[in-house]
Amino acid sequence: MKTDKNRNRDPYNDPGLLASFAVPGQMIAYILGGAALGLIAGHFIDDALPAIAPLATFLGLLLGLAAGVFLIVRFVSSLK
């Protein structure tokens, strides 16, 4: 009598399911990480130079988002 291998499989420990979340998770991490680092760096620059208060935070956020988009484009082009 043959046993069914799929019957005894744990659906929560499926490597295919976990691997399917890797690419979108990495893309989200690139965008959020770049934005967070740019925002924090801009905030520290604004604290050091209070005359340009919101400008460095805004520019840091934009540069962080641009870096995140650049990393996503580089990541997607290497997926082939």
C-alpha atoms as a PDB file:
ATOM      1  CA  MET A   1       0.000   0.000   0.000  1.00  0.00           C
ATOM      2  CA  LYS A   2       1.384   3.390  -1.025  1.00  0.00           C
ATOM      3  CA  THR A   3       1.300   6.335   1.336  1.00  0.00           C
ATOM      4  CA  ASP A   4       0.329   9.741   0.092  1.00  0.00           C
ATOM      5  CA  LYS A   5       3.284  12.098   0.612  1.00  0.00           C
ATOM      6  CA  ASN A   6       1.173  15.221   0.318  1.00  0.00           C
ATOM      7  CA  ARG A   7      -1.161  14.155   3.100  1.00  0.00           C
ATOM      8  CA  ASN A   8       1.616  14.294   5.709  1.00  0.00           C
ATOM      9  CA  ARG A   9       3.125  17.562   4.480  1.00  0.00           C
ATOM     10  CA  ASP A  10       3.057  20.595   6.715  1.00  0.00           C
ATOM     11  CA  PRO A  11       1.510  23.468   4.680  1.00  0.00           C
ATOM     12  CA  TYR A  12       3.158  26.083   6.895  1.00  0.00           C
ATOM     13  CA  ASN A  13       6.673  24.786   6.256  1.00  0.00           C
ATOM     14  CA  ASP A  14       6.503  24.831   2.454  1.00  0.00           C
ATOM     15  CA  PRO A  15       9.742  26.258   0.995  1.00  0.00           C
ATOM     16  CA  GLY A  16       7.961  27.229  -2.213  1.00  0.00           C
ATOM     17  CA  LEU A  17       5.461  29.321  -0.305  1.00  0.00           C
ATOM     18  CA  LEU A  18       8.147  31.058   1.726  1.00  0.00           C
ATOM     19  CA  ALA A  19      10.295  31.684  -1.343  1.00  0.00           C
ATOM     20  CA  SER A  20       7.378  33.400  -3.057  1.00  0.00           C
ATOM     21  CA  PHE A  21       7.493  36.152  -0.425  1.00  0.00           C
ATOM     22  CA  ALA A  22      11.241  36.778  -0.836  1.00  0.00           C
ATOM     23  CA  VAL A  23      11.189  39.008  -3.925  1.00  0.00           C
ATOM     24  CA  PRO A  24       8.344  41.342  -2.878  1.00  0.00           C
ATOM     25  CA  GLY A  25       9.753  41.491   0.636  1.00  0.00           C
ATOM     26  CA  GLN A  26      13.146  42.522  -0.654  1.00  0.00           C
ATOM     27  CA  MET A  27      11.588  45.203  -2.864  1.00  0.00           C
ATOM     28  CA  ILE A  28       9.620  46.622   0.061  1.00  0.00           C
ATOM     29  CA  ALA A  29      12.766  46.597   2.195  1.00  0.00           C
ATOM     30  CA  TYR A  30      14.669  48.563  -0.471  1.00  0.00           C
ATOM     31  CA  ILE A  31      11.993  51.267  -0.686  1.00  0.00           C
ATOM     32  CA  LEU A  32      11.350  51.548   3.051  1.00  0.00           C
ATOM     33  CA  GLY A  33      15.011  51.291   3.985  1.00  0.00           C
ATOM     34  CA  GLY A  34      16.085  53.949   1.510  1.00  0.00           C
ATOM     35  CA  ALA A  35      13.286  56.280   2.554  1.00  0.00           C
ATOM     36  CA  ALA A  36      13.978  55.761   6.260  1.00  0.00           C
ATOM     37  CA  LEU A  37      17.720  56.313   5.946  1.00  0.00           C
ATOM     38  CA  GLY A  38      17.219  59.431   3.824  1.00  0.00           C
ATOM     39  CA  LEU A  39      14.631  60.782   6.236  1.00  0.00           C
ATOM     40  CA  ILE A  40      16.846  60.187   9.277  1.00  0.00           C
ATOM     41  CA  ALA A  41      19.918  61.685   7.606  1.00  0.00           C
ATOM     42  CA  GLY A  42      17.922  64.737   6.502  1.00  0.00           C
ATOM     43  CA  HIS A  43      16.504  65.162   9.987  1.00  0.00           C
ATOM     44  CA  PHE A  44      19.988  65.148  11.522  1.00  0.00           C
ATOM     45  CA  ILE A  45      21.167  67.712   8.975  1.00  0.00           C
ATOM     46  CA  ASP A  46      18.154  69.877   9.798  1.00  0.00           C
ATOM     47  CA  ASP A  47      19.002  69.659  13.497  1.00  0.00           C
ATOM     48  CA  ALA A  48      22.559  70.784  12.786  1.00  0.00           C
ATOM     49  CA  LEU A  49      21.489  73.593  10.448  1.00  0.00           C
ATOM     50  CA  PRO A  50      18.173  75.009  11.747  1.00  0.00           C
ATOM     51  CA  ALA A  51      18.066  77.742   9.079  1.00  0.00           C
ATOM     52  CA  ILE A  52      17.117  75.196   6.381  1.00  0.00           C
ATOM     53  CA  ALA A  53      14.776  73.235   8.679  1.00  0.00           C
ATOM     54  CA  PRO A  54      12.409  71.250   6.455  1.00  0.00           C
ATOM     55  CA  LEU A  55      14.529  71.295   3.292  1.00  0.00           C
ATOM     56  CA  ALA A  56      17.135  68.684   4.209  1.00  0.00           C
ATOM     57  CA  THR A  57      14.505  66.272   5.518  1.00  0.00           C
ATOM     58  CA  PHE A  58      12.520  66.534   2.291  1.00  0.00           C
ATOM     59  CA  LEU A  59      15.624  66.183   0.101  1.00  0.00           C
ATOM     60  CA  GLY A  60      16.853  63.264   2.185  1.00  0.00           C
ATOM     61  CA  LEU A  61      13.509  61.517   1.768  1.00  0.00           C
ATOM     62  CA  LEU A  62      13.569  62.062  -2.000  1.00  0.00           C
ATOM     63  CA  LEU A  63      17.161  60.857  -2.313  1.00  0.00           C
ATOM     64  CA  GLY A  64      16.364  57.807  -0.195  1.00  0.00           C
ATOM     65  CA  LEU A  65      13.386  56.952  -2.378  1.00  0.00           C
ATOM     66  CA  ALA A  66      15.497  57.426  -5.499  1.00  0.00           C
ATOM     67  CA  ALA A  67      18.141  55.102  -4.079  1.00  0.00           C
ATOM     68  CA  GLY A  68      15.453  52.528  -3.297  1.00  0.00           C
ATOM     69  CA  VAL A  69      14.089  52.693  -6.844  1.00  0.00           C
ATOM     70  CA  PHE A  70      17.617  52.351  -8.228  1.00  0.00           C
ATOM     71  CA  LEU A  71      18.198  49.255  -6.098  1.00  0.00           C
ATOM     72  CA  ILE A  72      14.900  47.753  -7.235  1.00  0.00           C
ATOM     73  CA  VAL A  73      15.760  48.323 -10.905  1.00  0.00           C
ATOM     74  CA  ARG A  74      19.162  46.714 -10.362  1.00  0.00           C
ATOM     75  CA  PHE A  75      17.591  43.801  -8.468  1.00  0.00           C
ATOM     76  CA  VAL A  76      14.896  43.144 -11.075  1.00  0.00           C
ATOM     77  CA  SER A  77      17.389  43.280 -13.943  1.00  0.00           C
ATOM     78  CA  SER A  78      19.469  40.584 -12.229  1.00  0.00           C
ATOM     79  CA  LEU A  79      16.525  38.166 -11.792  1.00  0.00           C
ATOM     80  CA  LYS A  80      16.794  36.523 -15.207  1.00  0.00           C
END
